[in-house]
Amino acid sequence: MRRWFLPLAIFGVGAVGAFALSEAGQHTIRWMRDRLEDAPDQLLTWNEAAQRELDRIEATLNRIAETITPIHADVM
């Protein structure tokens, strides 16, 4: 596998370069650049939603932990 690494890497870089120079690649790059301006707001919205979900999961786990009584086995 090691002897195929360099040729595959060169082929991959060449393919990315060819795509970037094509009309479809340039359209894709423009689309990504336009969407990048909205990225911070979108990430902030997603982060807030994820935090609310994590808080809800933590509260549920705390309620479950409070209802479970530990079972102590007297071995001696």
C-alpha atoms as a PDB file:
ATOM      1  CA  MET A   1       0.000   0.000   0.000  1.00  0.00           C
ATOM      2  CA  ARG A   2       2.881   2.383   0.718  1.00  0.00           C
ATOM      3  CA  ARG A   3       4.116   2.336  -2.855  1.00  0.00           C
ATOM      4  CA  TRP A   4       0.666   3.452  -4.062  1.00  0.00           C
ATOM      5  CA  PHE A   5       0.360   6.329  -1.604  1.00  0.00           C
ATOM      6  CA  LEU A   6       2.311   8.936  -3.589  1.00  0.00           C
ATOM      7  CA  PRO A   7       0.661   8.249  -6.971  1.00  0.00           C
ATOM      8  CA  LEU A   8      -2.798   8.251  -5.386  1.00  0.00           C
ATOM      9  CA  ALA A   9      -2.058  11.490  -3.536  1.00  0.00           C
ATOM     10  CA  ILE A  10      -0.835  13.164  -6.730  1.00  0.00           C
ATOM     11  CA  PHE A  11      -3.883  11.895  -8.618  1.00  0.00           C
ATOM     12  CA  GLY A  12      -6.179  13.199  -5.863  1.00  0.00           C
ATOM     13  CA  VAL A  13      -4.573  16.643  -5.812  1.00  0.00           C
ATOM     14  CA  GLY A  14      -4.706  16.757  -9.606  1.00  0.00           C
ATOM     15  CA  ALA A  15      -8.378  15.799  -9.615  1.00  0.00           C
ATOM     16  CA  VAL A  16      -9.208  18.510  -7.066  1.00  0.00           C
ATOM     17  CA  GLY A  17      -7.274  21.041  -9.118  1.00  0.00           C
ATOM     18  CA  ALA A  18      -9.035  20.020 -12.333  1.00  0.00           C
ATOM     19  CA  PHE A  19     -12.412  20.272 -10.614  1.00  0.00           C
ATOM     20  CA  ALA A  20     -11.566  23.709  -9.200  1.00  0.00           C
ATOM     21  CA  LEU A  21     -10.644  24.954 -12.673  1.00  0.00           C
ATOM     22  CA  SER A  22     -13.785  23.597 -14.317  1.00  0.00           C
ATOM     23  CA  GLU A  23     -16.964  25.645 -14.665  1.00  0.00           C
ATOM     24  CA  ALA A  24     -18.822  23.397 -12.222  1.00  0.00           C
ATOM     25  CA  GLY A  25     -15.967  23.688  -9.741  1.00  0.00           C
ATOM     26  CA  GLN A  26     -15.938  27.469  -9.976  1.00  0.00           C
ATOM     27  CA  HIS A  27     -19.714  27.526  -9.481  1.00  0.00           C
ATOM     28  CA  THR A  28     -19.329  25.311  -6.406  1.00  0.00           C
ATOM     29  CA  ILE A  29     -16.573  27.513  -4.986  1.00  0.00           C
ATOM     30  CA  ARG A  30     -18.723  30.647  -5.489  1.00  0.00           C
ATOM     31  CA  TRP A  31     -21.681  28.880  -3.822  1.00  0.00           C
ATOM     32  CA  MET A  32     -19.533  27.922  -0.831  1.00  0.00           C
ATOM     33  CA  ARG A  33     -18.084  31.452  -0.556  1.00  0.00           C
ATOM     34  CA  ASP A  34     -21.582  32.964  -0.581  1.00  0.00           C
ATOM     35  CA  ARG A  35     -22.759  30.560   2.124  1.00  0.00           C
ATOM     36  CA  LEU A  36     -19.693  31.213   4.257  1.00  0.00           C
ATOM     37  CA  GLU A  37     -21.025  34.663   5.163  1.00  0.00           C
ATOM     38  CA  ASP A  38     -24.039  33.064   6.880  1.00  0.00           C
ATOM     39  CA  ALA A  39     -21.974  30.376   8.615  1.00  0.00           C
ATOM     40  CA  PRO A  40     -21.385  32.132  11.982  1.00  0.00           C
ATOM     41  CA  ASP A  41     -25.112  32.796  12.471  1.00  0.00           C
ATOM     42  CA  GLN A  42     -26.019  29.252  11.474  1.00  0.00           C
ATOM     43  CA  LEU A  43     -23.388  27.784  13.800  1.00  0.00           C
ATOM     44  CA  LEU A  44     -24.588  29.967  16.673  1.00  0.00           C
ATOM     45  CA  THR A  45     -28.181  28.820  16.138  1.00  0.00           C
ATOM     46  CA  TRP A  46     -27.104  25.173  15.975  1.00  0.00           C
ATOM     47  CA  ASN A  47     -24.927  25.589  19.074  1.00  0.00           C
ATOM     48  CA  GLU A  48     -27.824  27.027  21.091  1.00  0.00           C
ATOM     49  CA  ALA A  49     -30.142  24.197  20.009  1.00  0.00           C
ATOM     50  CA  ALA A  50     -27.509  21.577  20.842  1.00  0.00           C
ATOM     51  CA  GLN A  51     -26.925  23.144  24.273  1.00  0.00           C
ATOM     52  CA  ARG A  52     -30.662  23.106  25.046  1.00  0.00           C
ATOM     53  CA  GLU A  53     -30.820  19.440  24.061  1.00  0.00           C
ATOM     54  CA  LEU A  54     -27.808  18.586  26.232  1.00  0.00           C
ATOM     55  CA  ASP A  55     -29.369  20.424  29.179  1.00  0.00           C
ATOM     56  CA  ARG A  56     -32.598  18.466  28.674  1.00  0.00           C
ATOM     57  CA  ILE A  57     -30.700  15.160  28.550  1.00  0.00           C
ATOM     58  CA  GLU A  58     -28.737  16.086  31.692  1.00  0.00           C
ATOM     59  CA  ALA A  59     -31.943  16.937  33.565  1.00  0.00           C
ATOM     60  CA  THR A  60     -33.506  13.638  32.512  1.00  0.00           C
ATOM     61  CA  LEU A  61     -30.445  11.675  33.617  1.00  0.00           C
ATOM     62  CA  ASN A  62     -30.436  13.488  36.954  1.00  0.00           C
ATOM     63  CA  ARG A  63     -34.103  12.571  37.504  1.00  0.00           C
ATOM     64  CA  ILE A  64     -33.357   8.948  36.648  1.00  0.00           C
ATOM     65  CA  ALA A  65     -30.372   8.918  39.014  1.00  0.00           C
ATOM     66  CA  GLU A  66     -32.515  10.299  41.839  1.00  0.00           C
ATOM     67  CA  THR A  67     -35.143   7.586  41.424  1.00  0.00           C
ATOM     68  CA  ILE A  68     -32.694   4.700  41.341  1.00  0.00           C
ATOM     69  CA  THR A  69     -31.833   3.417  44.784  1.00  0.00           C
ATOM     70  CA  PRO A  70     -28.497   1.670  45.085  1.00  0.00           C
ATOM     71  CA  ILE A  71     -28.645  -1.995  45.973  1.00  0.00           C
ATOM     72  CA  HIS A  72     -26.178  -2.886  48.718  1.00  0.00           C
ATOM     73  CA  ALA A  73     -25.281  -6.519  49.010  1.00  0.00           C
ATOM     74  CA  ASP A  74     -23.966  -7.549  52.385  1.00  0.00           C
ATOM     75  CA  VAL A  75     -21.204  -9.949  51.546  1.00  0.00           C
ATOM     76  CA  MET A  76     -20.005 -10.488  55.078  1.00  0.00           C
END
